[in-house]
Amino acid sequence: MNNLLTLLEEKKIQLNADKTRVLSSSGKKTQVVPLIHQRVLSIKGPETEKFLQGQLSCDVNNAFKTGSSLGSHCNIKGHMLSLFRLLKAGSEEAWLRMSQDIFESATANLKKYMIFSKAEAQEISHTISGIGLVGPGAQTLIERWFGNSPSETNSIISLSNGLIVRVPGDRFEIWMDDDAVTEIVRQLPEEVGIGSTNDWILSEIDAGIPDLRAETQEAFIPQMTNFQVFAGISFTKGCYTGQEIITRLQHRGQLKKPMYLAEVSTDQEPQVGESISAPNKPNAGRVVLSAQCGENRYRILAVIVKSLAEESALSLHNQAVELKTLPYTLDPKLFLPK
């Protein structure tokens, strides 16, 4: 157990049984969320950038210039095996931070293609810890601690012991040596509280950012989760695993199942991978992410058949699913037959 987890227990912060989620929330406007639901894989070596460019859906060369990008690793049919945030950690090193429950399989899938590359994969979650900052005081807090903050989404500030990245929704992630992160959390100013994992996932949902869990591995082509909005897919960089299918959908196909933002009132928490129903269509969509946003109220991201989402009454647990407005606009050309 790393020092951050030890500190959370000392502070009587409620965790789940396997210590991969923070259950309690301070409820303060600005919160620091321990990102213990994620793990970090380091890819390091002289051919790191080249290797990742040939495997991932995003443009790794551009990501190394800006500092970070969402990305995915797909099978040959273009379905996502893993989804992560890529972080440039050095000239020959990238960190892939991803959900705890897909980490082992995601690492194994990448290593299959790494045999002949001058790059190595190693988990660093035991030495590197992460926190997310969300709320109106997030940027001020970063500037108080480090002097300045990343100015653009996906830009980073490199530190001697880690990095800071600005992510969509005017939020930040800090990934640093465990000791340094622990000390930051130990000395939070009075106006800042420790947030829950639900708080962070809710902020991801509010930004319309998808994620992948074990229940949805190989379920979605990237465009189904609106991944192109975040430059998580490159259509110009050349070949990568699954590229042919992904590019064909973009230029010659028709996207029939995009991702929607929605809310539902239910006394049973929606689970990732659960089906959303329409009249006479029990599998109209699938839940991508879910977070509680009120008493027996949940906000979700879900991939739903577009025609059913726009023309039918949707339900989950026999409760009405209410579509909300995403914080971005999808290109209408994606939905036209080519």
C-alpha atoms as a PDB file:
ATOM      1  CA  MET A   1       0.000   0.000   0.000  1.00  0.00           C
ATOM      2  CA  ASN A   2       1.447   3.377  -0.968  1.00  0.00           C
ATOM      3  CA  ASN A   3       1.714   6.439   1.273  1.00  0.00           C
ATOM      4  CA  LEU A   4      -1.309   8.168  -0.269  1.00  0.00           C
ATOM      5  CA  LEU A   5      -3.606   5.319   0.721  1.00  0.00           C
ATOM      6  CA  THR A   6      -2.083   5.245   4.197  1.00  0.00           C
ATOM      7  CA  LEU A   7      -2.766   8.967   4.579  1.00  0.00           C
ATOM      8  CA  LEU A   8      -6.376   8.595   3.431  1.00  0.00           C
ATOM      9  CA  GLU A   9      -6.914   5.953   6.085  1.00  0.00           C
ATOM     10  CA  GLU A  10      -5.273   8.168   8.722  1.00  0.00           C
ATOM     11  CA  LYS A  11      -7.678  10.960   7.746  1.00  0.00           C
ATOM     12  CA  LYS A  12     -10.600   8.527   8.164  1.00  0.00           C
ATOM     13  CA  ILE A  13     -11.516   8.876   4.475  1.00  0.00           C
ATOM     14  CA  GLN A  14     -13.968   6.112   3.599  1.00  0.00           C
ATOM     15  CA  LEU A  15     -12.665   3.696   0.953  1.00  0.00           C
ATOM     16  CA  ASN A  16     -14.203   0.624  -0.621  1.00  0.00           C
ATOM     17  CA  ALA A  17     -13.016  -2.838   0.415  1.00  0.00           C
ATOM     18  CA  ASP A  18     -10.272  -3.169  -2.191  1.00  0.00           C
ATOM     19  CA  LYS A  19      -9.146   0.461  -1.767  1.00  0.00           C
ATOM     20  CA  THR A  20      -9.762   1.470  -5.373  1.00  0.00           C
ATOM     21  CA  ARG A  21     -12.474   4.076  -4.727  1.00  0.00           C
ATOM     22  CA  VAL A  22     -12.909   6.991  -2.358  1.00  0.00           C
ATOM     23  CA  LEU A  23     -16.475   6.764  -1.048  1.00  0.00           C
ATOM     24  CA  SER A  24     -16.711   9.889   1.105  1.00  0.00           C
ATOM     25  CA  SER A  25     -16.794  13.462  -0.204  1.00  0.00           C
ATOM     26  CA  SER A  26     -16.088  16.761   1.521  1.00  0.00           C
ATOM     27  CA  GLY A  27     -18.793  18.438  -0.553  1.00  0.00           C
ATOM     28  CA  LYS A  28     -16.645  21.581  -0.864  1.00  0.00           C
ATOM     29  CA  LYS A  29     -16.726  23.628  -4.076  1.00  0.00           C
ATOM     30  CA  THR A  30     -13.088  22.875  -4.905  1.00  0.00           C
ATOM     31  CA  GLN A  31     -11.962  19.318  -4.335  1.00  0.00           C
ATOM     32  CA  VAL A  32      -8.856  17.207  -4.661  1.00  0.00           C
ATOM     33  CA  VAL A  33      -9.742  13.661  -5.668  1.00  0.00           C
ATOM     34  CA  PRO A  34      -7.251  10.812  -5.150  1.00  0.00           C
ATOM     35  CA  LEU A  35      -7.283   8.949  -8.476  1.00  0.00           C
ATOM     36  CA  ILE A  36      -6.932   5.547  -6.849  1.00  0.00           C
ATOM     37  CA  HIS A  37      -9.381   3.997  -9.330  1.00  0.00           C
ATOM     38  CA  GLN A  38      -6.662   4.282 -11.977  1.00  0.00           C
ATOM     39  CA  ARG A  39      -3.285   2.680 -12.603  1.00  0.00           C
ATOM     40  CA  VAL A  40      -0.327   3.893 -14.635  1.00  0.00           C
ATOM     41  CA  LEU A  41       1.710   2.010 -17.229  1.00  0.00           C
ATOM     42  CA  SER A  42       5.092   3.393 -18.276  1.00  0.00           C
ATOM     43  CA  ILE A  43       6.269   2.771 -21.848  1.00  0.00           C
ATOM     44  CA  LYS A  44       9.957   3.616 -22.003  1.00  0.00           C
ATOM     45  CA  GLY A  45      12.764   3.273 -24.535  1.00  0.00           C
ATOM     46  CA  PRO A  46      14.223   4.860 -27.677  1.00  0.00           C
ATOM     47  CA  GLU A  47      11.321   3.593 -29.815  1.00  0.00           C
ATOM     48  CA  THR A  48       8.489   4.493 -27.421  1.00  0.00           C
ATOM     49  CA  GLU A  49       6.959   7.167 -29.656  1.00  0.00           C
ATOM     50  CA  LYS A  50       7.329   5.048 -32.792  1.00  0.00           C
ATOM     51  CA  PHE A  51       5.814   1.978 -31.151  1.00  0.00           C
ATOM     52  CA  LEU A  52       2.818   3.815 -29.736  1.00  0.00           C
ATOM     53  CA  GLN A  53       2.225   5.668 -32.997  1.00  0.00           C
ATOM     54  CA  GLY A  54       1.802   2.321 -34.732  1.00  0.00           C
ATOM     55  CA  GLN A  55      -0.613   0.968 -32.127  1.00  0.00           C
ATOM     56  CA  LEU A  56      -2.785   3.733 -30.693  1.00  0.00           C
ATOM     57  CA  SER A  57      -5.732   5.540 -32.271  1.00  0.00           C
ATOM     58  CA  CYS A  58      -4.443   9.033 -31.400  1.00  0.00           C
ATOM     59  CA  ASP A  59      -1.588  10.891 -33.084  1.00  0.00           C
ATOM     60  CA  VAL A  60       1.211  10.147 -30.637  1.00  0.00           C
ATOM     61  CA  ASN A  61       3.615  12.536 -32.385  1.00  0.00           C
ATOM     62  CA  ASN A  62       1.216  15.416 -31.730  1.00  0.00           C
ATOM     63  CA  ALA A  63       0.604  14.177 -28.186  1.00  0.00           C
ATOM     64  CA  PHE A  64       4.343  14.307 -27.515  1.00  0.00           C
ATOM     65  CA  LYS A  65       4.343  17.932 -28.732  1.00  0.00           C
ATOM     66  CA  THR A  66       1.359  19.094 -26.661  1.00  0.00           C
ATOM     67  CA  GLY A  67       2.067  16.813 -23.706  1.00  0.00           C
ATOM     68  CA  SER A  68      -1.044  14.652 -23.519  1.00  0.00           C
ATOM     69  CA  SER A  69      -3.972  13.115 -25.380  1.00  0.00           C
ATOM     70  CA  LEU A  70      -6.791  10.690 -24.905  1.00  0.00           C
ATOM     71  CA  GLY A  71      -6.094   7.518 -26.824  1.00  0.00           C
ATOM     72  CA  SER A  72      -7.223   3.955 -27.321  1.00  0.00           C
ATOM     73  CA  HIS A  73      -5.785   0.618 -28.347  1.00  0.00           C
ATOM     74  CA  CYS A  74      -8.085  -1.337 -30.643  1.00  0.00           C
ATOM     75  CA  ASN A  75      -8.355  -4.852 -31.988  1.00  0.00           C
ATOM     76  CA  ILE A  76      -8.137  -5.519 -35.731  1.00  0.00           C
ATOM     77  CA  LYS A  77     -11.899  -4.951 -36.017  1.00  0.00           C
ATOM     78  CA  GLY A  78     -11.532  -1.423 -34.647  1.00  0.00           C
ATOM     79  CA  HIS A  79     -13.137  -2.117 -31.265  1.00  0.00           C
ATOM     80  CA  MET A  80     -11.460  -0.618 -28.208  1.00  0.00           C
ATOM     81  CA  LEU A  81      -9.435  -2.960 -26.032  1.00  0.00           C
ATOM     82  CA  SER A  82      -8.336  -0.101 -23.806  1.00  0.00           C
ATOM     83  CA  LEU A  83      -8.882   3.618 -23.341  1.00  0.00           C
ATOM     84  CA  PHE A  84      -6.501   5.898 -21.478  1.00  0.00           C
ATOM     85  CA  ARG A  85      -4.878   9.286 -21.168  1.00  0.00           C
ATOM     86  CA  LEU A  86      -1.391   9.345 -22.676  1.00  0.00           C
ATOM     87  CA  LEU A  87       1.062  11.585 -20.824  1.00  0.00           C
ATOM     88  CA  LYS A  88       4.520  12.508 -22.069  1.00  0.00           C
ATOM     89  CA  ALA A  89       6.816  11.766 -19.151  1.00  0.00           C
ATOM     90  CA  GLY A  90      10.144  12.262 -20.968  1.00  0.00           C
ATOM     91  CA  SER A  91      11.727  12.292 -24.405  1.00  0.00           C
ATOM     92  CA  GLU A  92      11.600   8.490 -24.474  1.00  0.00           C
ATOM     93  CA  GLU A  93       8.813   7.782 -21.984  1.00  0.00           C
ATOM     94  CA  ALA A  94       5.017   7.920 -21.977  1.00  0.00           C
ATOM     95  CA  TRP A  95       2.604   7.132 -19.174  1.00  0.00           C
ATOM     96  CA  LEU A  96      -0.756   5.557 -19.919  1.00  0.00           C
ATOM     97  CA  ARG A  97      -3.206   6.055 -17.058  1.00  0.00           C
ATOM     98  CA  MET A  98      -6.312   3.926 -17.214  1.00  0.00           C
ATOM     99  CA  SER A  99      -9.043   2.258 -15.181  1.00  0.00           C
ATOM    100  CA  GLN A 100      -7.919  -0.307 -12.608  1.00  0.00           C
ATOM    101  CA  ASP A 101     -10.085  -3.099 -13.956  1.00  0.00           C
ATOM    102  CA  ILE A 102      -8.782  -3.082 -17.547  1.00  0.00           C
ATOM    103  CA  PHE A 103      -5.137  -2.563 -16.648  1.00  0.00           C
ATOM    104  CA  GLU A 104      -3.930  -6.158 -16.760  1.00  0.00           C
ATOM    105  CA  SER A 105      -5.547  -7.042 -20.084  1.00  0.00           C
ATOM    106  CA  ALA A 106      -4.624  -3.668 -21.623  1.00  0.00           C
ATOM    107  CA  THR A 107      -0.987  -4.169 -20.669  1.00  0.00           C
ATOM    108  CA  ALA A 108      -0.958  -7.717 -22.024  1.00  0.00           C
ATOM    109  CA  ASN A 109      -2.461  -6.603 -25.331  1.00  0.00           C
ATOM    110  CA  LEU A 110       0.132  -3.871 -25.806  1.00  0.00           C
ATOM    111  CA  LYS A 111       3.008  -6.173 -24.890  1.00  0.00           C
ATOM    112  CA  LYS A 112       1.994  -8.591 -27.656  1.00  0.00           C
ATOM    113  CA  TYR A 113       3.134  -5.994 -30.192  1.00  0.00           C
ATOM    114  CA  MET A 114       6.186  -4.792 -28.262  1.00  0.00           C
ATOM    115  CA  ILE A 115       8.454  -7.790 -28.751  1.00  0.00           C
ATOM    116  CA  PHE A 116      10.482  -6.315 -31.612  1.00  0.00           C
ATOM    117  CA  SER A 117      10.464  -2.685 -30.399  1.00  0.00           C
ATOM    118  CA  LYS A 118      13.095  -0.930 -28.350  1.00  0.00           C
ATOM    119  CA  ALA A 119      10.548  -0.075 -25.688  1.00  0.00           C
ATOM    120  CA  GLU A 120       9.489  -1.695 -22.448  1.00  0.00           C
ATOM    121  CA  ALA A 121       6.275  -1.597 -20.436  1.00  0.00           C
ATOM    122  CA  GLN A 122       6.243  -1.444 -16.643  1.00  0.00           C
ATOM    123  CA  GLU A 123       3.595  -0.536 -14.093  1.00  0.00           C
ATOM    124  CA  ILE A 124       4.603   2.437 -11.942  1.00  0.00           C
ATOM    125  CA  SER A 125       1.411   2.785  -9.855  1.00  0.00           C
ATOM    126  CA  HIS A 126       3.319   1.780  -6.715  1.00  0.00           C
ATOM    127  CA  THR A 127       5.660   4.782  -7.010  1.00  0.00           C
ATOM    128  CA  ILE A 128       3.530   7.344  -8.899  1.00  0.00           C
ATOM    129  CA  SER A 129       0.219   8.587  -7.458  1.00  0.00           C
ATOM    130  CA  GLY A 130      -2.402  10.857  -8.971  1.00  0.00           C
ATOM    131  CA  ILE A 131      -4.897  13.454  -7.812  1.00  0.00           C
ATOM    132  CA  GLY A 132      -7.556  15.276  -9.781  1.00  0.00           C
ATOM    133  CA  LEU A 133      -8.533  18.887  -9.100  1.00  0.00           C
ATOM    134  CA  VAL A 134     -12.077  19.989  -9.843  1.00  0.00           C
ATOM    135  CA  GLY A 135     -14.051  23.102  -8.982  1.00  0.00           C
ATOM    136  CA  PRO A 136     -13.765  26.901  -9.317  1.00  0.00           C
ATOM    137  CA  GLY A 137     -10.543  27.109  -7.314  1.00  0.00           C
ATOM    138  CA  ALA A 138      -8.662  24.356  -9.141  1.00  0.00           C
ATOM    139  CA  GLN A 139      -6.439  26.578 -11.292  1.00  0.00           C
ATOM    140  CA  THR A 140      -5.685  28.958  -8.420  1.00  0.00           C
ATOM    141  CA  LEU A 141      -4.627  25.991  -6.315  1.00  0.00           C
ATOM    142  CA  ILE A 142      -2.290  24.699  -9.026  1.00  0.00           C
ATOM    143  CA  GLU A 143      -0.713  28.147  -9.371  1.00  0.00           C
ATOM    144  CA  ARG A 144      -0.300  28.453  -5.596  1.00  0.00           C
ATOM    145  CA  TRP A 145       1.538  25.134  -5.453  1.00  0.00           C
ATOM    146  CA  PHE A 146       3.609  25.294  -8.644  1.00  0.00           C
ATOM    147  CA  GLY A 147       3.754  28.954  -9.722  1.00  0.00           C
ATOM    148  CA  ASN A 148       1.799  28.479 -12.934  1.00  0.00           C
ATOM    149  CA  SER A 149      -0.642  26.084 -14.578  1.00  0.00           C
ATOM    150  CA  PRO A 150      -1.012  24.396 -17.976  1.00  0.00           C
ATOM    151  CA  SER A 151      -2.753  26.949 -20.193  1.00  0.00           C
ATOM    152  CA  GLU A 152      -4.460  24.725 -22.769  1.00  0.00           C
ATOM    153  CA  THR A 153      -6.375  21.455 -22.583  1.00  0.00           C
ATOM    154  CA  ASN A 154      -3.946  18.537 -22.992  1.00  0.00           C
ATOM    155  CA  SER A 155      -0.925  20.714 -22.211  1.00  0.00           C
ATOM    156  CA  ILE A 156       1.357  19.699 -19.370  1.00  0.00           C
ATOM    157  CA  ILE A 157       3.905  21.169 -17.008  1.00  0.00           C
ATOM    158  CA  SER A 158       6.810  18.804 -16.497  1.00  0.00           C
ATOM    159  CA  LEU A 159       8.202  18.590 -12.980  1.00  0.00           C
ATOM    160  CA  SER A 160      11.345  16.944 -11.665  1.00  0.00           C
ATOM    161  CA  ASN A 161       9.173  14.300  -9.991  1.00  0.00           C
ATOM    162  CA  GLY A 162       6.086  14.155 -12.214  1.00  0.00           C
ATOM    163  CA  LEU A 163       3.731  16.311 -14.244  1.00  0.00           C
ATOM    164  CA  ILE A 164       0.533  18.365 -14.273  1.00  0.00           C
ATOM    165  CA  VAL A 165      -1.976  18.122 -17.133  1.00  0.00           C
ATOM    166  CA  ARG A 166      -4.998  20.260 -17.905  1.00  0.00           C
ATOM    167  CA  VAL A 167      -7.981  18.112 -18.917  1.00  0.00           C
ATOM    168  CA  PRO A 168     -11.366  19.088 -20.423  1.00  0.00           C
ATOM    169  CA  GLY A 169     -13.750  20.902 -18.114  1.00  0.00           C
ATOM    170  CA  ASP A 170     -11.103  23.251 -16.620  1.00  0.00           C
ATOM    171  CA  ARG A 171      -9.823  20.426 -14.444  1.00  0.00           C
ATOM    172  CA  PHE A 172      -6.331  19.196 -13.710  1.00  0.00           C
ATOM    173  CA  GLU A 173      -4.548  15.956 -12.975  1.00  0.00           C
ATOM    174  CA  ILE A 174      -1.276  15.763 -11.052  1.00  0.00           C
ATOM    175  CA  TRP A 175       0.845  12.615 -11.357  1.00  0.00           C
ATOM    176  CA  MET A 176       3.941  12.674  -9.183  1.00  0.00           C
ATOM    177  CA  ASP A 177       6.098  10.617  -6.869  1.00  0.00           C
ATOM    178  CA  ASP A 178       3.841   9.116  -4.231  1.00  0.00           C
ATOM    179  CA  ASP A 179       5.629  10.964  -1.399  1.00  0.00           C
ATOM    180  CA  ALA A 180       5.076  14.345  -3.075  1.00  0.00           C
ATOM    181  CA  VAL A 181       1.393  13.721  -3.798  1.00  0.00           C
ATOM    182  CA  THR A 182       0.869  12.495  -0.250  1.00  0.00           C
ATOM    183  CA  GLU A 183       2.375  15.687   1.138  1.00  0.00           C
ATOM    184  CA  ILE A 184       0.095  17.826  -1.053  1.00  0.00           C
ATOM    185  CA  VAL A 185      -2.979  16.002   0.225  1.00  0.00           C
ATOM    186  CA  ARG A 186      -1.712  16.182   3.806  1.00  0.00           C
ATOM    187  CA  GLN A 187      -1.500  19.989   3.657  1.00  0.00           C
ATOM    188  CA  LEU A 188      -4.664  20.960   1.768  1.00  0.00           C
ATOM    189  CA  PRO A 189      -5.866  24.501   2.529  1.00  0.00           C
ATOM    190  CA  GLU A 190      -8.993  24.736   4.661  1.00  0.00           C
ATOM    191  CA  GLU A 191     -11.231  25.791   1.754  1.00  0.00           C
ATOM    192  CA  VAL A 192     -10.325  22.683  -0.259  1.00  0.00           C
ATOM    193  CA  GLY A 193     -11.658  19.214   0.518  1.00  0.00           C
ATOM    194  CA  ILE A 194     -11.006  15.625  -0.498  1.00  0.00           C
ATOM    195  CA  GLY A 195     -13.533  14.519  -3.093  1.00  0.00           C
ATOM    196  CA  SER A 196     -14.874  11.087  -3.879  1.00  0.00           C
ATOM    197  CA  THR A 197     -14.252   8.911  -6.895  1.00  0.00           C
ATOM    198  CA  ASN A 198     -17.897   9.549  -7.791  1.00  0.00           C
ATOM    199  CA  ASP A 199     -17.172  13.305  -7.817  1.00  0.00           C
ATOM    200  CA  TRP A 200     -14.366  12.802 -10.330  1.00  0.00           C
ATOM    201  CA  ILE A 201     -16.305  10.430 -12.578  1.00  0.00           C
ATOM    202  CA  LEU A 202     -19.236  12.854 -12.505  1.00  0.00           C
ATOM    203  CA  SER A 203     -16.908  15.615 -13.700  1.00  0.00           C
ATOM    204  CA  GLU A 204     -15.724  13.325 -16.517  1.00  0.00           C
ATOM    205  CA  ILE A 205     -19.326  12.656 -17.500  1.00  0.00           C
ATOM    206  CA  ASP A 206     -20.116  16.379 -17.415  1.00  0.00           C
ATOM    207  CA  ALA A 207     -17.222  16.907 -19.847  1.00  0.00           C
ATOM    208  CA  GLY A 208     -18.621  14.135 -22.070  1.00  0.00           C
ATOM    209  CA  ILE A 209     -15.447  12.046 -21.745  1.00  0.00           C
ATOM    210  CA  PRO A 210     -15.876   8.284 -22.157  1.00  0.00           C
ATOM    211  CA  ASP A 211     -13.953   5.601 -20.339  1.00  0.00           C
ATOM    212  CA  LEU A 212     -13.696   1.854 -20.677  1.00  0.00           C
ATOM    213  CA  ARG A 213     -14.362  -0.822 -18.086  1.00  0.00           C
ATOM    214  CA  ALA A 214     -14.022  -4.593 -18.222  1.00  0.00           C
ATOM    215  CA  GLU A 215     -17.740  -4.880 -19.055  1.00  0.00           C
ATOM    216  CA  THR A 216     -17.334  -2.739 -22.200  1.00  0.00           C
ATOM    217  CA  GLN A 217     -13.979  -3.867 -23.559  1.00  0.00           C
ATOM    218  CA  GLU A 218     -14.279  -4.560 -27.300  1.00  0.00           C
ATOM    219  CA  ALA A 219     -17.854  -3.202 -27.255  1.00  0.00           C
ATOM    220  CA  PHE A 220     -17.302   0.119 -29.038  1.00  0.00           C
ATOM    221  CA  ILE A 221     -15.541   1.544 -32.075  1.00  0.00           C
ATOM    222  CA  PRO A 222     -13.970   4.852 -30.917  1.00  0.00           C
ATOM    223  CA  GLN A 223     -16.444   7.077 -32.802  1.00  0.00           C
ATOM    224  CA  MET A 224     -19.315   5.445 -30.896  1.00  0.00           C
ATOM    225  CA  THR A 225     -17.948   7.143 -27.765  1.00  0.00           C
ATOM    226  CA  ASN A 226     -17.458  10.516 -29.526  1.00  0.00           C
ATOM    227  CA  PHE A 227     -13.709   9.964 -29.287  1.00  0.00           C
ATOM    228  CA  GLN A 228     -12.990  12.055 -32.390  1.00  0.00           C
ATOM    229  CA  VAL A 229     -14.129  15.180 -30.485  1.00  0.00           C
ATOM    230  CA  PHE A 230     -11.102  14.847 -28.206  1.00  0.00           C
ATOM    231  CA  ALA A 231      -8.597  14.066 -30.995  1.00  0.00           C
ATOM    232  CA  GLY A 232      -8.491  10.559 -29.566  1.00  0.00           C
ATOM    233  CA  ILE A 233      -8.483   9.316 -33.168  1.00  0.00           C
ATOM    234  CA  SER A 234      -6.190  10.374 -36.013  1.00  0.00           C
ATOM    235  CA  PHE A 235      -7.401   9.939 -39.583  1.00  0.00           C
ATOM    236  CA  THR A 236      -4.179  11.183 -41.166  1.00  0.00           C
ATOM    237  CA  LYS A 237      -1.241   9.596 -39.341  1.00  0.00           C
ATOM    238  CA  GLY A 238      -1.221   6.266 -41.187  1.00  0.00           C
ATOM    239  CA  CYS A 239      -1.586   2.685 -40.072  1.00  0.00           C
ATOM    240  CA  TYR A 240      -2.333   1.470 -36.576  1.00  0.00           C
ATOM    241  CA  THR A 241      -4.213  -1.535 -35.268  1.00  0.00           C
ATOM    242  CA  GLY A 242      -7.888  -1.259 -36.255  1.00  0.00           C
ATOM    243  CA  GLN A 243      -7.236   1.826 -38.404  1.00  0.00           C
ATOM    244  CA  GLU A 244      -8.888   0.471 -41.557  1.00  0.00           C
ATOM    245  CA  ILE A 245     -12.270  -0.081 -39.894  1.00  0.00           C
ATOM    246  CA  ILE A 246     -12.158   3.204 -37.955  1.00  0.00           C
ATOM    247  CA  THR A 247     -11.226   5.260 -41.023  1.00  0.00           C
ATOM    248  CA  ARG A 248     -13.826   3.535 -43.193  1.00  0.00           C
ATOM    249  CA  LEU A 249     -16.558   4.452 -40.728  1.00  0.00           C
ATOM    250  CA  GLN A 250     -15.390   8.063 -40.752  1.00  0.00           C
ATOM    251  CA  HIS A 251     -15.175   8.530 -44.515  1.00  0.00           C
ATOM    252  CA  ARG A 252     -17.390   5.877 -46.075  1.00  0.00           C
ATOM    253  CA  GLY A 253     -19.722   4.689 -43.356  1.00  0.00           C
ATOM    254  CA  GLN A 254     -22.561   6.060 -41.264  1.00  0.00           C
ATOM    255  CA  LEU A 255     -22.390   6.337 -37.483  1.00  0.00           C
ATOM    256  CA  LYS A 256     -25.610   4.904 -36.118  1.00  0.00           C
ATOM    257  CA  LYS A 257     -24.706   4.668 -32.429  1.00  0.00           C
ATOM    258  CA  PRO A 258     -23.137   7.791 -30.882  1.00  0.00           C
ATOM    259  CA  MET A 259     -22.713   8.501 -27.193  1.00  0.00           C
ATOM    260  CA  TYR A 260     -25.312  10.558 -25.304  1.00  0.00           C
ATOM    261  CA  LEU A 261     -25.416  12.346 -21.963  1.00  0.00           C
ATOM    262  CA  ALA A 262     -28.481  11.456 -19.908  1.00  0.00           C
ATOM    263  CA  GLU A 263     -29.968  11.249 -16.429  1.00  0.00           C
ATOM    264  CA  VAL A 264     -32.191   8.693 -14.747  1.00  0.00           C
ATOM    265  CA  SER A 265     -33.905   8.449 -11.355  1.00  0.00           C
ATOM    266  CA  THR A 266     -33.605   4.967  -9.905  1.00  0.00           C
ATOM    267  CA  ASP A 267     -32.987   3.342  -6.531  1.00  0.00           C
ATOM    268  CA  GLN A 268     -30.508   0.964  -8.172  1.00  0.00           C
ATOM    269  CA  GLU A 269     -27.184   2.379  -9.387  1.00  0.00           C
ATOM    270  CA  PRO A 270     -26.766   1.960 -13.179  1.00  0.00           C
ATOM    271  CA  GLN A 271     -23.895  -0.369 -13.975  1.00  0.00           C
ATOM    272  CA  VAL A 272     -21.409   0.009 -16.813  1.00  0.00           C
ATOM    273  CA  GLY A 273     -22.476  -2.201 -19.723  1.00  0.00           C
ATOM    274  CA  GLU A 274     -26.155  -2.328 -18.699  1.00  0.00           C
ATOM    275  CA  SER A 275     -28.709  -2.139 -21.486  1.00  0.00           C
ATOM    276  CA  ILE A 276     -30.941   0.844 -22.118  1.00  0.00           C
ATOM    277  CA  SER A 277     -34.326  -0.071 -23.558  1.00  0.00           C
ATOM    278  CA  ALA A 278     -36.721   1.432 -26.072  1.00  0.00           C
ATOM    279  CA  PRO A 279     -40.222   0.112 -26.844  1.00  0.00           C
ATOM    280  CA  ASN A 280     -39.780  -3.380 -28.347  1.00  0.00           C
ATOM    281  CA  LYS A 281     -35.982  -2.818 -28.347  1.00  0.00           C
ATOM    282  CA  PRO A 282     -34.426  -4.133 -25.111  1.00  0.00           C
ATOM    283  CA  ASN A 283     -30.894  -3.370 -26.338  1.00  0.00           C
ATOM    284  CA  ALA A 284     -31.261   0.173 -27.660  1.00  0.00           C
ATOM    285  CA  GLY A 285     -28.071   1.274 -25.899  1.00  0.00           C
ATOM    286  CA  ARG A 286     -25.403   0.513 -23.297  1.00  0.00           C
ATOM    287  CA  VAL A 287     -24.161   2.467 -20.295  1.00  0.00           C
ATOM    288  CA  VAL A 288     -20.581   3.718 -20.703  1.00  0.00           C
ATOM    289  CA  LEU A 289     -20.187   5.558 -17.383  1.00  0.00           C
ATOM    290  CA  SER A 290     -22.444   6.361 -14.452  1.00  0.00           C
ATOM    291  CA  ALA A 291     -22.179   8.636 -11.416  1.00  0.00           C
ATOM    292  CA  GLN A 292     -24.615   9.736  -8.752  1.00  0.00           C
ATOM    293  CA  CYS A 293     -25.725  13.370  -9.110  1.00  0.00           C
ATOM    294  CA  GLY A 294     -28.490  13.507  -6.459  1.00  0.00           C
ATOM    295  CA  GLU A 295     -30.596  11.318  -4.220  1.00  0.00           C
ATOM    296  CA  ASN A 296     -31.473   8.258  -6.334  1.00  0.00           C
ATOM    297  CA  ARG A 297     -30.442  10.307  -9.364  1.00  0.00           C
ATOM    298  CA  TYR A 298     -27.679   9.316 -11.766  1.00  0.00           C
ATOM    299  CA  ARG A 299     -25.951  10.989 -14.692  1.00  0.00           C
ATOM    300  CA  ILE A 300     -24.733   8.642 -17.392  1.00  0.00           C
ATOM    301  CA  LEU A 301     -22.932   8.459 -20.685  1.00  0.00           C
ATOM    302  CA  ALA A 302     -24.448   5.830 -22.961  1.00  0.00           C
ATOM    303  CA  VAL A 303     -23.997   4.642 -26.532  1.00  0.00           C
ATOM    304  CA  ILE A 304     -27.502   4.523 -28.005  1.00  0.00           C
ATOM    305  CA  VAL A 305     -28.935   3.809 -31.444  1.00  0.00           C
ATOM    306  CA  LYS A 306     -29.446   7.342 -32.787  1.00  0.00           C
ATOM    307  CA  SER A 307     -32.850   6.758 -34.365  1.00  0.00           C
ATOM    308  CA  LEU A 308     -34.176   5.256 -31.134  1.00  0.00           C
ATOM    309  CA  ALA A 309     -32.664   7.979 -28.952  1.00  0.00           C
ATOM    310  CA  GLU A 310     -34.371  10.683 -30.971  1.00  0.00           C
ATOM    311  CA  GLU A 311     -37.703   9.018 -31.655  1.00  0.00           C
ATOM    312  CA  SER A 312     -38.430   6.670 -28.738  1.00  0.00           C
ATOM    313  CA  ALA A 313     -38.931   6.730 -24.999  1.00  0.00           C
ATOM    314  CA  LEU A 314     -35.818   5.262 -23.383  1.00  0.00           C
ATOM    315  CA  SER A 315     -35.705   3.462 -20.063  1.00  0.00           C
ATOM    316  CA  LEU A 316     -33.258   1.936 -17.584  1.00  0.00           C
ATOM    317  CA  HIS A 317     -34.486  -0.174 -14.652  1.00  0.00           C
ATOM    318  CA  ASN A 318     -37.977   0.627 -15.960  1.00  0.00           C
ATOM    319  CA  GLN A 319     -37.337   4.328 -15.286  1.00  0.00           C
ATOM    320  CA  ALA A 320     -37.339   7.073 -17.906  1.00  0.00           C
ATOM    321  CA  VAL A 321     -33.948   8.052 -19.323  1.00  0.00           C
ATOM    322  CA  GLU A 322     -33.792  11.804 -19.961  1.00  0.00           C
ATOM    323  CA  LEU A 323     -31.329  12.966 -22.625  1.00  0.00           C
ATOM    324  CA  LYS A 324     -29.244  16.038 -21.774  1.00  0.00           C
ATOM    325  CA  THR A 325     -27.077  18.353 -23.879  1.00  0.00           C
ATOM    326  CA  LEU A 326     -23.453  17.347 -24.385  1.00  0.00           C
ATOM    327  CA  PRO A 327     -20.803  20.055 -23.862  1.00  0.00           C
ATOM    328  CA  TYR A 328     -19.734  19.704 -27.501  1.00  0.00           C
ATOM    329  CA  THR A 329     -21.313  19.290 -30.930  1.00  0.00           C
ATOM    330  CA  LEU A 330     -20.906  16.214 -33.121  1.00  0.00           C
ATOM    331  CA  ASP A 331     -20.270  16.631 -36.840  1.00  0.00           C
ATOM    332  CA  PRO A 332     -23.654  15.980 -38.544  1.00  0.00           C
ATOM    333  CA  LYS A 333     -21.848  14.493 -41.559  1.00  0.00           C
ATOM    334  CA  LEU A 334     -21.003  11.445 -39.442  1.00  0.00           C
ATOM    335  CA  PHE A 335     -24.668  10.439 -39.427  1.00  0.00           C
ATOM    336  CA  LEU A 336     -25.280  10.786 -43.160  1.00  0.00           C
ATOM    337  CA  PRO A 337     -25.075   7.778 -45.508  1.00  0.00           C
ATOM    338  CA  LYS A 338     -22.017   7.982 -47.756  1.00  0.00           C
END
